[in-house]
Amino acid sequence: MKKTMVAALAAALTIGAASTTFAAANPFSDVPRDHWAYDAVTQLAADGVVEGYGDGTYRGDRNITRYEMAQMTAKAMAKGDMSASDRALVDRLAAEFADELNNLGVRVSNLERNADMVKWTGYLRYDYISDRHDKDHSKTNTDRVRFRLFPSAEVNDHWKVKARLDTQYFMDKDDSSSMSLARAYADGTYGNLNIKLGKQDLYSGADDGLTMDTAISGATVSFGNVVKAKIAAGRVSDKNVKSATDAAANYQGIDLTYGMGKLTAGVGYQQINNDVFKAASYSKNADSDKARIWSVGGKYVFDKNVALKGSYAQNTEADYYKKAGSIELDYKGAKNSDMGSWGAYIAYRHLGNNVAFAPTYNVLGRDQKGWAVGTSYTLFKNVMTKLEYFKGKDITADKNASTLFARVQFSF
């Protein structure tokens, strides 16, 4: 097999030496030794799709460049008689080296559609959470490991199918959950118009996640450029917006956001319908079955390091704990791709439990108010750490509360 691989690569070098398509000054990067393309070429050579020198020798001990690999792929593409599995390998190689093949004048647009176009990203993260509540004198520590996968498959020039797969386990208990399908939706883009259909993220963009960061089963339509609109409708099963006897609540929402230069701003409206709101802790008469949430938010970037953002929301149907607000000062910010990058923030938040139903924050949750500070640091490329702390009160109980949060995340 090794001799076959050597022969196939030698053939690519021979083609490269004879070709006059590129100027000698063009730079070419090597294909890494552990790249899947080498295994594909080995298989094609074994099946006789790619041929090497008659004596099976390799003339020169060096890596193969992307240009040379593309030349070999082009020769394989010219062969019409091959098995379906070999054709799939050739199609995948054509998609991988599409730019180089296009420069050679070989059209690969149709082949790219036949290649494996499913892209996988994800992360493995470890979270440590330590909560303290004076209202019930509770002290809880959580050691959680969570694994998420995000597949994305191209359907055509405008549509993709996307999903999210989740699983987690708790280290202190040594238990785990089975893999679950947390998101599954079709994502279509036509210029500045975007359409999402299915179970997808629900994020209140106008208030930057102050009131809602959960999931919705339904449809979302976004459009616009400088001023952008997002309209969402569907069913939400978050435990904070539905009664125990209902599977989900009805939801409709609209966000309008503006961004120009250093300033971004937004205004939003959300309506949620469910019998869970018919409670004395929600309204005086306990007869309302809906929430009407109005939100505003904004962010100003002073320079490349410092930004100030704030948001406010109010539920006009509720009589109690109906307001939420956040103001946050950010300094720099850690980036997954930039080892050594870091950031920090300080914030004050007030999250009334009848308006901030599913806030986005790691520390300081629904029905809490107080100060939060945090920092993030990228240890290595795609390895990020976070440390955050909250000190304040549980609002309805009016008792002290605090949370310490630490995270290490490996992204891919």
Protein backbone atom coordinates (compact mmCIF):
# COMPACT_ATOMS: atom_id res chain seq x y z
CA MET A 1 0.00 0.00 0.00
CA LYS A 2 2.84 2.38 0.82
CA LYS A 3 4.44 1.73 -2.58
CA THR A 4 1.11 2.43 -4.25
CA MET A 5 0.81 5.71 -2.38
CA VAL A 6 4.36 6.64 -3.34
CA ALA A 7 3.66 5.88 -6.97
CA ALA A 8 0.51 8.00 -6.94
CA LEU A 9 2.32 10.96 -5.43
CA ALA A 10 5.17 10.59 -7.89
CA ALA A 11 2.66 10.84 -10.72
CA ALA A 12 1.41 14.12 -9.28
CA LEU A 13 4.97 15.48 -9.24
CA THR A 14 5.49 14.46 -12.85
CA ILE A 15 2.33 16.27 -13.90
CA GLY A 16 3.40 19.33 -11.87
CA ALA A 17 6.79 19.45 -13.59
CA ALA A 18 5.24 19.34 -17.05
CA SER A 19 2.47 21.87 -16.44
CA THR A 20 2.76 25.49 -17.55
CA THR A 21 -0.59 26.62 -16.17
CA PHE A 22 0.92 28.45 -13.18
CA ALA A 23 3.85 30.82 -13.03
CA ALA A 24 6.80 29.51 -11.01
CA ALA A 25 6.50 32.39 -8.54
CA ASN A 26 3.06 31.31 -7.29
CA PRO A 27 3.21 30.19 -3.64
CA PHE A 28 1.84 26.73 -2.73
CA SER A 29 1.27 25.39 0.75
CA ASP A 30 1.95 21.76 1.62
CA VAL A 31 -0.87 19.36 2.39
CA PRO A 32 -0.22 18.24 6.00
CA ARG A 33 1.05 14.68 6.37
CA ASP A 34 -2.00 13.67 8.43
CA HIS A 35 -4.53 15.12 5.96
CA TRP A 36 -7.31 12.76 4.87
CA ALA A 37 -6.47 13.43 1.19
CA TYR A 38 -3.44 11.11 1.42
CA ASP A 39 -5.66 8.21 2.48
CA ALA A 40 -8.09 9.03 -0.32
CA VAL A 41 -5.30 8.99 -2.91
CA THR A 42 -4.00 5.70 -1.50
CA GLN A 43 -7.41 4.12 -2.00
CA LEU A 44 -7.76 5.55 -5.51
CA ALA A 45 -4.30 4.29 -6.42
CA ALA A 46 -5.13 0.82 -5.11
CA ASP A 47 -8.25 0.82 -7.30
CA GLY A 48 -6.31 1.94 -10.36
CA VAL A 49 -7.93 5.36 -10.62
CA VAL A 50 -4.61 7.12 -9.98
CA GLU A 51 -1.45 5.65 -11.53
CA GLY A 52 2.18 6.17 -10.55
CA TYR A 53 5.52 5.29 -12.09
CA GLY A 54 5.85 1.84 -13.57
CA ASP A 55 8.48 0.79 -11.02
CA GLY A 56 6.47 2.10 -8.07
CA THR A 57 9.30 4.32 -6.80
CA TYR A 58 9.01 7.78 -5.25
CA ARG A 59 11.37 10.30 -6.76
CA GLY A 60 11.91 12.95 -4.10
CA ASP A 61 11.25 12.97 -0.37
CA ARG A 62 8.96 15.92 0.31
CA ASN A 63 5.35 16.79 1.06
CA ILE A 64 2.82 17.23 -1.72
CA THR A 65 1.51 20.76 -2.26
CA ARG A 66 -2.16 21.61 -2.67
CA TYR A 67 -1.45 22.51 -6.30
CA GLU A 68 0.09 19.12 -7.00
CA MET A 69 -2.75 17.33 -5.22
CA ALA A 70 -5.23 19.29 -7.35
CA GLN A 71 -3.42 18.21 -10.53
CA MET A 72 -3.71 14.58 -9.49
CA THR A 73 -7.40 15.12 -8.67
CA ALA A 74 -7.96 16.69 -12.09
CA LYS A 75 -6.47 13.63 -13.79
CA ALA A 76 -8.73 11.34 -11.75
CA MET A 77 -11.76 13.47 -12.64
CA ALA A 78 -11.06 12.88 -16.32
CA LYS A 79 -11.58 9.14 -15.87
CA GLY A 80 -15.15 8.08 -16.45
CA ASP A 81 -14.96 4.40 -15.48
CA MET A 82 -14.79 3.99 -11.70
CA SER A 83 -16.88 2.64 -8.85
CA ALA A 84 -19.40 4.75 -6.95
CA SER A 85 -17.17 4.77 -3.86
CA ASP A 86 -14.16 5.94 -5.88
CA ARG A 87 -16.29 8.62 -7.54
CA ALA A 88 -17.32 9.85 -4.08
CA LEU A 89 -13.64 10.09 -3.08
CA VAL A 90 -12.82 12.04 -6.24
CA ASP A 91 -15.76 14.36 -5.63
CA ARG A 92 -14.60 14.97 -2.06
CA LEU A 93 -11.07 15.73 -3.25
CA ALA A 94 -12.52 18.10 -5.86
CA ALA A 95 -14.42 19.99 -3.16
CA GLU A 96 -11.34 20.18 -0.92
CA PHE A 97 -9.08 21.52 -3.68
CA ALA A 98 -11.75 23.53 -5.50
CA ASP A 99 -9.78 26.79 -5.58
CA GLU A 100 -6.70 25.13 -7.05
CA LEU A 101 -8.80 23.23 -9.60
CA ASN A 102 -10.57 26.41 -10.64
CA ASN A 103 -7.19 28.03 -11.23
CA LEU A 104 -6.36 25.05 -13.41
CA GLY A 105 -9.53 25.69 -15.38
CA VAL A 106 -11.34 22.61 -14.05
CA ARG A 107 -14.99 23.27 -13.15
CA VAL A 108 -16.03 21.62 -9.88
CA SER A 109 -19.29 23.35 -8.93
CA ASN A 110 -21.39 20.25 -9.56
CA LEU A 111 -18.91 17.96 -7.85
CA GLU A 112 -18.91 20.12 -4.71
CA ARG A 113 -22.60 19.42 -4.27
CA ASN A 114 -21.94 15.68 -4.40
CA ALA A 115 -19.09 15.76 -1.86
CA ASP A 116 -19.59 15.47 1.87
CA MET A 117 -20.75 19.00 2.69
CA VAL A 118 -21.69 18.38 6.33
CA LYS A 119 -19.60 20.62 8.57
CA TRP A 120 -19.15 19.77 12.24
CA THR A 121 -18.23 22.17 15.01
CA GLY A 122 -18.67 21.90 18.75
CA TYR A 123 -17.13 22.09 22.17
CA LEU A 124 -16.39 20.22 25.37
CA ARG A 125 -16.68 22.38 28.46
CA TYR A 126 -16.23 21.92 32.18
CA ASP A 127 -18.22 24.20 34.52
CA TYR A 128 -17.83 24.62 38.26
CA ILE A 129 -20.70 26.47 39.96
CA SER A 130 -20.89 27.34 43.65
CA ASP A 131 -24.21 28.88 44.80
CA ARG A 132 -25.03 30.40 48.21
CA HIS A 133 -28.53 31.53 49.29
CA ASP A 134 -29.38 32.97 52.70
CA LYS A 135 -33.13 32.58 52.01
CA ASP A 136 -32.92 28.85 52.66
CA HIS A 137 -29.33 28.63 53.95
CA SER A 138 -28.44 26.47 50.95
CA LYS A 139 -24.94 25.84 49.66
CA THR A 140 -24.58 23.86 46.44
CA ASN A 141 -21.53 23.01 44.35
CA THR A 142 -21.86 21.66 40.81
CA ASP A 143 -19.20 19.96 38.67
CA ARG A 144 -20.63 19.68 35.16
CA VAL A 145 -19.15 18.50 31.87
CA ARG A 146 -21.12 19.35 28.74
CA PHE A 147 -20.49 18.21 25.17
CA ARG A 148 -22.22 19.82 22.19
CA LEU A 149 -22.06 19.18 18.45
CA PHE A 150 -23.26 21.58 15.75
CA PRO A 151 -23.69 19.87 12.35
CA SER A 152 -24.48 22.02 9.31
CA ALA A 153 -25.38 20.53 5.92
CA GLU A 154 -25.68 22.46 2.67
CA VAL A 155 -28.92 21.78 0.77
CA ASN A 156 -28.46 24.21 -2.12
CA ASP A 157 -27.16 27.73 -2.78
CA HIS A 158 -29.69 29.26 -0.36
CA TRP A 159 -30.59 26.65 2.24
CA LYS A 160 -28.79 24.70 4.93
CA VAL A 161 -29.97 22.25 7.57
CA LYS A 162 -28.53 22.81 11.04
CA ALA A 163 -28.79 21.06 14.39
CA ARG A 164 -27.39 20.90 17.91
CA LEU A 165 -26.72 17.70 19.84
CA ASP A 166 -26.28 17.86 23.61
CA THR A 167 -25.10 15.60 26.38
CA GLN A 168 -23.70 16.22 29.85
CA TYR A 169 -22.65 14.54 33.06
CA PHE A 170 -21.97 15.61 36.63
CA MET A 171 -18.52 14.68 37.91
CA ASP A 172 -19.44 14.67 41.60
CA LYS A 173 -22.19 12.10 40.91
CA ASP A 174 -20.44 10.30 38.02
CA ASP A 175 -23.72 10.19 36.12
CA SER A 176 -24.48 11.18 32.55
CA SER A 177 -27.35 11.86 30.19
CA SER A 178 -27.95 10.42 26.74
CA MET A 179 -27.36 12.50 23.63
CA SER A 180 -30.39 14.65 22.80
CA LEU A 181 -31.42 16.68 19.77
CA ALA A 182 -31.65 20.19 21.21
CA ARG A 183 -31.98 22.08 17.91
CA ALA A 184 -33.00 21.09 14.37
CA TYR A 185 -33.97 23.64 11.74
CA ALA A 186 -33.70 24.76 8.13
CA ASP A 187 -31.78 28.00 7.53
CA GLY A 188 -32.38 29.93 4.30
CA THR A 189 -30.64 33.10 3.12
CA TYR A 190 -31.60 35.35 0.20
CA GLY A 191 -29.44 38.46 0.31
CA ASN A 192 -30.40 40.37 3.48
CA LEU A 193 -33.35 38.05 4.13
CA ASN A 194 -32.89 35.08 6.47
CA ILE A 195 -35.52 32.45 7.30
CA LYS A 196 -35.24 29.78 10.00
CA LEU A 197 -37.82 27.00 10.34
CA GLY A 198 -37.80 24.43 13.15
CA LYS A 199 -36.45 24.22 16.68
CA GLN A 200 -33.85 26.97 16.99
CA ASP A 201 -32.29 29.49 19.35
CA LEU A 202 -34.55 32.20 20.78
CA TYR A 203 -32.54 35.25 21.82
CA SER A 204 -33.94 38.67 22.68
CA GLY A 205 -31.54 40.71 20.57
CA ALA A 206 -32.88 44.17 21.41
CA ASP A 207 -31.99 43.75 25.10
CA ASP A 208 -28.98 41.48 24.43
CA GLY A 209 -30.40 38.43 26.19
CA LEU A 210 -31.70 40.26 29.26
CA THR A 211 -35.12 38.58 29.03
CA MET A 212 -34.77 35.54 26.78
CA ASP A 213 -32.04 33.06 25.81
CA THR A 214 -33.70 29.70 25.24
CA ALA A 215 -35.25 27.72 22.35
CA ILE A 216 -38.34 28.07 20.18
CA SER A 217 -40.11 25.65 17.85
CA GLY A 218 -41.43 27.77 15.02
CA ALA A 219 -40.22 30.33 12.50
CA THR A 220 -37.87 33.31 12.56
CA VAL A 221 -37.55 35.86 9.76
CA SER A 222 -34.75 38.45 9.73
CA PHE A 223 -34.15 41.19 7.18
CA GLY A 224 -32.54 44.59 6.74
CA ASN A 225 -29.07 46.10 6.66
CA VAL A 226 -28.32 49.14 8.82
CA VAL A 227 -31.70 48.73 10.50
CA LYS A 228 -32.47 45.05 10.99
CA ALA A 229 -35.76 43.43 11.91
CA LYS A 230 -36.29 39.97 13.39
CA ILE A 231 -39.75 38.44 13.76
CA ALA A 232 -40.25 35.16 15.64
CA ALA A 233 -43.33 33.05 16.35
CA GLY A 234 -43.84 29.57 17.74
CA ARG A 235 -43.94 27.50 20.91
CA VAL A 236 -41.57 27.82 23.86
CA SER A 237 -41.20 25.03 26.42
CA ASP A 238 -38.95 26.83 28.91
CA LYS A 239 -40.15 25.93 32.41
CA ASN A 240 -40.44 29.59 33.45
CA VAL A 241 -43.10 30.48 30.85
CA LYS A 242 -45.42 27.46 31.01
CA SER A 243 -47.49 25.67 33.60
CA ALA A 244 -46.73 22.14 34.70
CA THR A 245 -49.73 20.83 32.74
CA ASP A 246 -48.82 22.54 29.46
CA ALA A 247 -46.23 21.31 26.97
CA ALA A 248 -45.31 24.82 25.82
CA ALA A 249 -46.39 28.46 25.67
CA ASN A 250 -47.30 30.52 22.61
CA TYR A 251 -44.69 33.12 21.71
CA GLN A 252 -44.46 36.06 19.30
CA GLY A 253 -41.68 38.62 19.22
CA ILE A 254 -40.08 41.34 17.13
CA ASP A 255 -36.69 43.05 17.42
CA LEU A 256 -35.54 46.18 15.62
CA THR A 257 -31.80 46.87 15.87
CA TYR A 258 -29.65 49.64 14.46
CA GLY A 259 -25.91 49.58 14.00
CA MET A 260 -23.67 52.30 12.62
CA GLY A 261 -20.07 52.96 13.56
CA LYS A 262 -19.49 52.75 17.30
CA LEU A 263 -23.17 52.70 18.27
CA THR A 264 -25.72 49.90 18.24
CA ALA A 265 -29.25 50.18 19.62
CA GLY A 266 -32.41 48.13 19.69
CA VAL A 267 -36.06 48.03 20.68
CA GLY A 268 -38.18 44.92 21.04
CA TYR A 269 -41.57 43.49 21.94
CA GLN A 270 -42.43 39.96 23.09
CA GLN A 271 -45.77 38.38 23.90
CA ILE A 272 -46.13 35.05 25.70
CA ASN A 273 -49.46 33.32 26.35
CA ASN A 274 -49.92 30.63 29.01
CA ASP A 275 -52.01 29.91 32.11
CA VAL A 276 -48.87 29.97 34.25
CA PHE A 277 -49.35 33.74 34.51
CA LYS A 278 -52.72 33.34 36.27
CA ALA A 279 -51.16 33.61 39.71
CA ALA A 280 -51.33 36.01 42.63
CA SER A 281 -47.56 36.43 42.47
CA TYR A 282 -47.93 37.78 38.92
CA SER A 283 -50.91 40.16 38.98
CA LYS A 284 -53.35 41.51 41.56
CA ASN A 285 -56.40 39.79 40.12
CA ALA A 286 -54.53 36.67 38.96
CA ASP A 287 -56.57 36.73 35.75
CA SER A 288 -53.99 37.47 33.05
CA ASP A 289 -52.74 34.66 30.84
CA LYS A 290 -50.10 36.65 28.99
CA ALA A 291 -46.86 38.58 29.28
CA ARG A 292 -46.20 41.72 27.23
CA ILE A 293 -42.53 42.61 27.38
CA TRP A 294 -41.09 45.84 25.97
CA SER A 295 -37.31 46.09 25.73
CA VAL A 296 -34.65 48.63 24.80
CA GLY A 297 -30.90 48.25 24.66
CA GLY A 298 -27.73 49.78 23.34
CA LYS A 299 -23.96 49.55 23.15
CA TYR A 300 -21.24 52.13 22.56
CA VAL A 301 -17.68 51.13 21.67
CA PHE A 302 -15.26 53.82 22.85
CA ASP A 303 -12.19 52.24 21.27
CA LYS A 304 -10.82 48.77 20.48
CA ASN A 305 -10.62 47.94 24.20
CA VAL A 306 -13.56 49.56 26.01
CA ALA A 307 -17.32 49.26 25.47
CA LEU A 308 -20.37 50.18 27.55
CA LYS A 309 -23.73 48.48 27.08
CA GLY A 310 -27.07 48.59 28.80
CA SER A 311 -30.62 47.25 28.50
CA TYR A 312 -34.01 47.61 30.15
CA ALA A 313 -37.23 45.61 29.94
CA GLN A 314 -40.70 45.80 31.47
CA ASN A 315 -43.68 43.44 31.44
CA THR A 316 -46.77 45.66 31.23
CA GLU A 317 -49.14 42.78 32.10
CA ALA A 318 -47.50 41.99 35.44
CA ASP A 319 -48.02 43.89 38.67
CA TYR A 320 -45.04 42.51 40.57
CA TYR A 321 -41.34 42.02 39.83
CA LYS A 322 -42.01 43.26 36.31
CA LYS A 323 -38.78 45.17 35.57
CA ALA A 324 -35.30 44.13 34.52
CA GLY A 325 -32.17 46.07 33.69
CA SER A 326 -28.46 45.63 33.09
CA ILE A 327 -25.49 47.93 32.65
CA GLU A 328 -22.08 46.48 31.81
CA LEU A 329 -18.59 47.81 31.15
CA ASP A 330 -16.41 45.56 28.99
CA TYR A 331 -12.64 45.63 28.58
CA LYS A 332 -11.06 43.82 25.64
CA GLY A 333 -12.27 40.21 25.23
CA ALA A 334 -10.81 36.74 24.85
CA LYS A 335 -10.90 35.21 21.37
CA ASN A 336 -10.82 31.47 20.70
CA SER A 337 -8.37 31.82 17.83
CA ASP A 338 -5.96 34.17 19.65
CA MET A 339 -3.83 32.52 22.34
CA GLY A 340 -3.11 34.93 25.18
CA SER A 341 -6.08 37.21 24.48
CA TRP A 342 -8.18 38.15 27.48
CA GLY A 343 -11.04 40.30 28.66
CA ALA A 344 -12.91 41.46 31.74
CA TYR A 345 -16.25 43.01 32.68
CA ILE A 346 -18.14 44.53 35.58
CA ALA A 347 -21.92 44.76 35.60
CA TYR A 348 -24.93 45.59 37.73
CA ARG A 349 -28.13 43.72 36.94
CA HIS A 350 -31.69 43.57 38.25
CA LEU A 351 -33.69 40.60 36.92
CA GLY A 352 -37.32 40.64 38.01
CA ASN A 353 -38.75 37.14 37.78
CA ASN A 354 -41.88 38.20 35.88
CA VAL A 355 -39.93 39.69 32.98
CA ALA A 356 -36.43 38.14 32.81
CA PHE A 357 -37.76 34.63 32.22
CA ALA A 358 -34.59 33.13 30.69
CA PRO A 359 -31.66 35.57 30.95
CA THR A 360 -28.38 34.76 29.23
CA TYR A 361 -25.89 35.25 32.06
CA ASN A 362 -23.63 32.63 33.65
CA VAL A 363 -23.96 34.24 37.08
CA LEU A 364 -26.86 36.30 38.44
CA GLY A 365 -30.06 34.71 37.20
CA ARG A 366 -33.80 35.22 37.25
CA ASP A 367 -35.14 36.83 40.45
CA GLN A 368 -31.72 38.18 41.44
CA LYS A 369 -30.05 41.58 41.58
CA GLY A 370 -26.52 42.73 42.31
CA TRP A 371 -23.01 43.09 40.99
CA ALA A 372 -21.18 40.69 38.71
CA VAL A 373 -17.53 40.67 37.65
CA GLY A 374 -15.73 38.34 35.32
CA THR A 375 -12.68 37.65 33.24
CA SER A 376 -11.81 35.36 30.33
CA TYR A 377 -8.48 34.15 28.97
CA THR A 378 -7.46 32.03 25.98
CA LEU A 379 -4.89 29.51 27.23
CA PHE A 380 -4.25 28.00 23.81
CA LYS A 381 -5.91 28.27 20.44
CA ASN A 382 -9.55 27.16 20.93
CA VAL A 383 -9.06 26.61 24.68
CA MET A 384 -10.72 29.36 26.73
CA THR A 385 -11.19 29.85 30.46
CA LYS A 386 -13.70 32.01 32.33
CA LEU A 387 -14.05 33.09 35.94
CA GLU A 388 -17.10 35.04 37.16
CA TYR A 389 -18.55 36.08 40.53
CA PHE A 390 -21.91 37.50 41.61
CA LYS A 391 -22.77 39.14 44.92
CA GLY A 392 -26.26 40.45 45.62
CA LYS A 393 -29.74 39.33 46.63
CA ASP A 394 -32.59 37.01 45.73
CA ILE A 395 -35.22 39.65 44.96
CA THR A 396 -38.48 38.10 46.20
CA ALA A 397 -36.90 36.79 49.41
CA ASP A 398 -34.79 39.93 49.90
CA LYS A 399 -31.94 37.76 51.19
CA ASN A 400 -28.25 37.70 50.29
CA ALA A 401 -27.02 35.43 47.51
CA SER A 402 -23.75 34.77 45.70
CA THR A 403 -22.40 32.62 42.87
CA LEU A 404 -18.88 31.63 41.84
CA PHE A 405 -18.54 30.32 38.28
CA ALA A 406 -15.51 28.83 36.51
CA ARG A 407 -15.25 27.31 33.02
CA VAL A 408 -12.73 25.65 30.73
CA GLN A 409 -13.91 25.16 27.15
CA PHE A 410 -12.30 23.24 24.28
CA SER A 411 -13.77 24.29 20.93
CA PHE A 412 -13.37 22.64 17.55
